Each structure stands twice: as structure tokens, then as C-alpha cells.
Amino acid sequence: MPISDDRLLSILVCPEDRQSLLYFADEDAMYNPRLHRRYRIIGGVPELLIDAAETVSPSEHERLVAKGGVATGGAGAASAPDAPTPAKKAPEKKAPAKKAPAKRTQKKAPPKKAVPKKGSAEEPVADTPAESPPPGTDAD
């Protein structure tokens, strides 16, 4: 079953080198002349899997290139079909480096002062500096 959608053909590329393919509607196949790999079209759906591709013989390659075909999308669509181009891989997207979470330091609450209950005989302790020893005594 041939692919009739020109928009689809304009974006289909080889899964291995991300370049254009030749489309042969009468053979239900798409062909990468740079890598000599043929991809089958099954039920109108291109089987564009690297593992499913068939490497063709040199004589089959010559036949397919001579036959031509319709060039599909990709960066190499305008180039000569037999011109070898270096394989290009899509750049890998690196995930941004995760930063370690900042350590949160808990501020300690100041110690609570003892507050006497109302009506108790206890008096609050004053926060005054210690008194110096009486004169004439050795504190040492």
C-alpha cells in the first residue's frame, strides 16, 4: 500500500543517519543509498527500525539508485542519492545537574526563664552581674 501523504513523506528520514530516504511506492520500500539499507512498508506503515532494515547487495544498490524514486525529507534530500555523507546523530540532551538541597539550620529558641505563678512566694531571679567580694578578702 503506497504512502499518499506528501507531508508524511517530507518528514520521514532514516532512523540511523537522520538523512533522507528514497521512496519506491511500487516496491513498498524506502531506501537509504548512503548506508545501502532498505526499509519495508507494511500495510502502508514504514517500518523505520534500525534492526528491521535490510542491507542490500551492491548490484541491488545500483538498481535502486538507477531507478531513482522519490526523495523524502531530511537534510540530504537535495543531494545526489549516491553521494556518501557522514552519519550524523542527533545531539543528546543532557539533563541539568541536580544541586544538592541546601541544608537548613534550625535556629534554637532562647531558653525560657522561670516565671513564678501569680500569688506564689517566690520572687523572680534578677539577671544582675555577680557582686564583687567584700574588700579585704582574697578572692584568689
C-alpha atoms as a PDB file:
ATOM      1  CA  MET A   1       0.000   0.000   0.000  1.00  0.00           C
ATOM      2  CA  PRO A   2       1.681   3.257  -1.123  1.00  0.00           C
ATOM      3  CA  ILE A   3       2.086   6.276   1.114  1.00  0.00           C
ATOM      4  CA  SER A   4      -0.049   9.042  -0.373  1.00  0.00           C
ATOM      5  CA  ASP A   5       0.524  11.777   2.191  1.00  0.00           C
ATOM      6  CA  ASP A   6       3.209  14.144   0.866  1.00  0.00           C
ATOM      7  CA  ARG A   7       3.505  15.806   4.276  1.00  0.00           C
ATOM      8  CA  LEU A   8       4.419  12.479   5.830  1.00  0.00           C
ATOM      9  CA  LEU A   9       6.962  11.752   3.117  1.00  0.00           C
ATOM     10  CA  SER A  10       8.552  15.157   3.649  1.00  0.00           C
ATOM     11  CA  ILE A  11       9.471  14.343   7.254  1.00  0.00           C
ATOM     12  CA  LEU A  12      10.426  10.659   7.074  1.00  0.00           C
ATOM     13  CA  VAL A  13      14.162  10.081   7.462  1.00  0.00           C
ATOM     14  CA  CYS A  14      16.453   7.150   8.094  1.00  0.00           C
ATOM     15  CA  PRO A  15      16.488   6.283  11.802  1.00  0.00           C
ATOM     16  CA  GLU A  16      20.219   5.580  11.671  1.00  0.00           C
ATOM     17  CA  ASP A  17      21.731   8.648   9.985  1.00  0.00           C
ATOM     18  CA  ARG A  18      18.727  11.023  10.122  1.00  0.00           C
ATOM     19  CA  GLN A  19      19.061  11.750   6.390  1.00  0.00           C
ATOM     20  CA  SER A  20      16.597  11.479   3.501  1.00  0.00           C
ATOM     21  CA  LEU A  21      15.341   8.223   2.048  1.00  0.00           C
ATOM     22  CA  LEU A  22      14.266   7.207  -1.448  1.00  0.00           C
ATOM     23  CA  TYR A  23      10.650   6.074  -1.626  1.00  0.00           C
ATOM     24  CA  PHE A  24       9.614   3.288  -4.001  1.00  0.00           C
ATOM     25  CA  ALA A  25       5.813   3.043  -3.963  1.00  0.00           C
ATOM     26  CA  ASP A  26       5.760   0.088  -6.395  1.00  0.00           C
ATOM     27  CA  GLU A  27       8.088  -1.935  -4.110  1.00  0.00           C
ATOM     28  CA  ASP A  28       6.598  -0.830  -0.773  1.00  0.00           C
ATOM     29  CA  ALA A  29      10.060   0.206   0.372  1.00  0.00           C
ATOM     30  CA  MET A  30      12.169   3.158   1.420  1.00  0.00           C
ATOM     31  CA  TYR A  31      15.891   3.116   0.741  1.00  0.00           C
ATOM     32  CA  ASN A  32      18.928   4.835   2.241  1.00  0.00           C
ATOM     33  CA  PRO A  33      21.538   4.977  -0.561  1.00  0.00           C
ATOM     34  CA  ARG A  34      24.280   6.150   1.801  1.00  0.00           C
ATOM     35  CA  LEU A  35      24.065   3.119   4.086  1.00  0.00           C
ATOM     36  CA  HIS A  36      22.672   0.670   1.468  1.00  0.00           C
ATOM     37  CA  ARG A  37      19.714  -0.111   3.751  1.00  0.00           C
ATOM     38  CA  ARG A  38      16.136  -0.822   2.698  1.00  0.00           C
ATOM     39  CA  TYR A  39      13.128  -0.332   4.988  1.00  0.00           C
ATOM     40  CA  ARG A  40       9.905  -2.205   4.197  1.00  0.00           C
ATOM     41  CA  ILE A  41       6.466  -0.597   4.183  1.00  0.00           C
ATOM     42  CA  ILE A  42       3.937  -2.956   5.715  1.00  0.00           C
ATOM     43  CA  GLY A  43       0.247  -2.121   5.369  1.00  0.00           C
ATOM     44  CA  GLY A  44       1.094   1.471   4.445  1.00  0.00           C
ATOM     45  CA  VAL A  45       3.278   1.945   7.544  1.00  0.00           C
ATOM     46  CA  PRO A  46       7.041   2.368   7.059  1.00  0.00           C
ATOM     47  CA  GLU A  47       8.972   0.035   9.355  1.00  0.00           C
ATOM     48  CA  LEU A  48      11.710   2.539  10.178  1.00  0.00           C
ATOM     49  CA  LEU A  49      13.538   0.465  12.756  1.00  0.00           C
ATOM     50  CA  ILE A  50      17.299   0.044  12.533  1.00  0.00           C
ATOM     51  CA  ASP A  51      17.026  -3.639  13.425  1.00  0.00           C
ATOM     52  CA  ALA A  52      14.374  -4.216  10.742  1.00  0.00           C
ATOM     53  CA  ALA A  53      16.410  -2.676   7.909  1.00  0.00           C
ATOM     54  CA  GLU A  54      17.779  -4.912   5.172  1.00  0.00           C
ATOM     55  CA  THR A  55      21.301  -4.309   3.874  1.00  0.00           C
ATOM     56  CA  VAL A  56      21.217  -4.677   0.098  1.00  0.00           C
ATOM     57  CA  SER A  57      23.876  -6.122  -2.208  1.00  0.00           C
ATOM     58  CA  PRO A  58      25.980  -3.818  -4.405  1.00  0.00           C
ATOM     59  CA  SER A  59      24.008  -4.870  -7.520  1.00  0.00           C
ATOM     60  CA  GLU A  60      20.675  -4.171  -5.776  1.00  0.00           C
ATOM     61  CA  HIS A  61      22.033  -0.796  -4.649  1.00  0.00           C
ATOM     62  CA  GLU A  62      22.912   0.081  -8.264  1.00  0.00           C
ATOM     63  CA  ARG A  63      19.435  -0.967  -9.415  1.00  0.00           C
ATOM     64  CA  LEU A  64      17.676   1.145  -6.770  1.00  0.00           C
ATOM     65  CA  VAL A  65      19.850   4.201  -7.390  1.00  0.00           C
ATOM     66  CA  ALA A  66      19.335   3.904 -11.159  1.00  0.00           C
ATOM     67  CA  LYS A  67      15.592   3.520 -10.652  1.00  0.00           C
ATOM     68  CA  GLY A  68      15.537   6.738  -8.652  1.00  0.00           C
ATOM     69  CA  GLY A  69      12.489   7.071  -6.509  1.00  0.00           C
ATOM     70  CA  VAL A  70      11.003   9.989  -4.679  1.00  0.00           C
ATOM     71  CA  ALA A  71      13.371  11.631  -2.196  1.00  0.00           C
ATOM     72  CA  THR A  72      11.841  12.052   1.239  1.00  0.00           C
ATOM     73  CA  GLY A  73      12.625  14.740   3.847  1.00  0.00           C
ATOM     74  CA  GLY A  74      15.818  15.259   5.794  1.00  0.00           C
ATOM     75  CA  ALA A  75      18.937  17.319   5.353  1.00  0.00           C
ATOM     76  CA  GLY A  76      20.208  15.272   2.403  1.00  0.00           C
ATOM     77  CA  ALA A  77      17.027  15.377   0.296  1.00  0.00           C
ATOM     78  CA  ALA A  78      18.540  17.729  -2.287  1.00  0.00           C
ATOM     79  CA  SER A  79      21.892  15.920  -2.568  1.00  0.00           C
ATOM     80  CA  ALA A  80      22.772  13.237  -5.071  1.00  0.00           C
ATOM     81  CA  PRO A  81      21.299   9.920  -3.926  1.00  0.00           C
ATOM     82  CA  ASP A  82      24.606   8.027  -4.148  1.00  0.00           C
ATOM     83  CA  ALA A  83      26.759  10.690  -2.523  1.00  0.00           C
ATOM     84  CA  PRO A  84      28.017   9.329   0.766  1.00  0.00           C
ATOM     85  CA  THR A  85      27.500  11.640   3.671  1.00  0.00           C
ATOM     86  CA  PRO A  86      28.864  11.238   7.162  1.00  0.00           C
ATOM     87  CA  ALA A  87      26.404   9.781   9.588  1.00  0.00           C
ATOM     88  CA  LYS A  88      25.045  12.386  11.916  1.00  0.00           C
ATOM     89  CA  LYS A  89      23.479  11.557  15.205  1.00  0.00           C
ATOM     90  CA  ALA A  90      21.008  13.766  16.983  1.00  0.00           C
ATOM     91  CA  PRO A  91      22.698  15.630  19.829  1.00  0.00           C
ATOM     92  CA  GLU A  92      21.952  14.122  23.173  1.00  0.00           C
ATOM     93  CA  LYS A  93      20.145  16.325  25.585  1.00  0.00           C
ATOM     94  CA  LYS A  94      21.757  16.295  28.960  1.00  0.00           C
ATOM     95  CA  ALA A  95      19.619  16.689  31.999  1.00  0.00           C
ATOM     96  CA  PRO A  96      20.624  19.683  34.110  1.00  0.00           C
ATOM     97  CA  ALA A  97      22.819  18.746  37.027  1.00  0.00           C
ATOM     98  CA  LYS A  98      20.850  18.402  40.202  1.00  0.00           C
ATOM     99  CA  LYS A  99      22.022  20.582  43.013  1.00  0.00           C
ATOM    100  CA  ALA A 100      22.171  19.149  46.471  1.00  0.00           C
ATOM    101  CA  PRO A 101      19.432  20.621  48.608  1.00  0.00           C
ATOM    102  CA  ALA A 102      20.651  23.380  50.860  1.00  0.00           C
ATOM    103  CA  LYS A 103      20.963  22.331  54.456  1.00  0.00           C
ATOM    104  CA  ARG A 104      18.570  24.196  56.642  1.00  0.00           C
ATOM    105  CA  THR A 105      19.812  25.078  60.057  1.00  0.00           C
ATOM    106  CA  GLN A 106      17.251  25.437  62.739  1.00  0.00           C
ATOM    107  CA  LYS A 107      17.643  28.420  64.956  1.00  0.00           C
ATOM    108  CA  LYS A 108      17.486  27.434  68.574  1.00  0.00           C
ATOM    109  CA  ALA A 109      14.946  29.254  70.646  1.00  0.00           C
ATOM    110  CA  PRO A 110      16.380  31.151  73.627  1.00  0.00           C
ATOM    111  CA  PRO A 111      15.968  29.308  76.929  1.00  0.00           C
ATOM    112  CA  LYS A 112      12.767  30.148  78.758  1.00  0.00           C
ATOM    113  CA  LYS A 113      13.070  31.968  82.034  1.00  0.00           C
ATOM    114  CA  ALA A 114      11.265  30.612  85.013  1.00  0.00           C
ATOM    115  CA  VAL A 115       8.271  32.787  85.722  1.00  0.00           C
ATOM    116  CA  PRO A 116       6.627  32.385  89.125  1.00  0.00           C
ATOM    117  CA  LYS A 117       2.944  31.745  89.289  1.00  0.00           C
ATOM    118  CA  LYS A 118       0.752  34.545  90.496  1.00  0.00           C
ATOM    119  CA  GLY A 119       0.328  34.527  94.187  1.00  0.00           C
ATOM    120  CA  SER A 120       3.424  32.448  94.893  1.00  0.00           C
ATOM    121  CA  ALA A 121       6.017  33.495  97.442  1.00  0.00           C
ATOM    122  CA  GLU A 122       8.874  33.071  95.013  1.00  0.00           C
ATOM    123  CA  GLU A 123      10.395  36.159  93.537  1.00  0.00           C
ATOM    124  CA  PRO A 124      11.881  36.146  90.086  1.00  0.00           C
ATOM    125  CA  VAL A 125      15.654  35.948  89.967  1.00  0.00           C
ATOM    126  CA  ALA A 126      17.123  39.159  88.643  1.00  0.00           C
ATOM    127  CA  ASP A 127      19.600  38.998  85.805  1.00  0.00           C
ATOM    128  CA  THR A 128      22.284  41.070  87.503  1.00  0.00           C
ATOM    129  CA  PRO A 129      26.040  40.625  87.370  1.00  0.00           C
ATOM    130  CA  ALA A 130      27.654  38.794  90.271  1.00  0.00           C
ATOM    131  CA  GLU A 131      28.698  41.043  93.126  1.00  0.00           C
ATOM    132  CA  SER A 132      32.385  41.558  93.769  1.00  0.00           C
ATOM    133  CA  PRO A 133      33.803  40.152  97.038  1.00  0.00           C
ATOM    134  CA  PRO A 134      33.901  42.462 100.041  1.00  0.00           C
ATOM    135  CA  PRO A 135      37.094  44.437 100.477  1.00  0.00           C
ATOM    136  CA  GLY A 136      39.868  42.784 102.439  1.00  0.00           C
ATOM    137  CA  THR A 137      39.115  39.245 101.318  1.00  0.00           C
ATOM    138  CA  ASP A 138      41.125  37.401  98.795  1.00  0.00           C
ATOM    139  CA  ALA A 139      39.005  36.022  96.019  1.00  0.00           C
ATOM    140  CA  ASP A 140      42.049  34.319  94.506  1.00  0.00           C
END
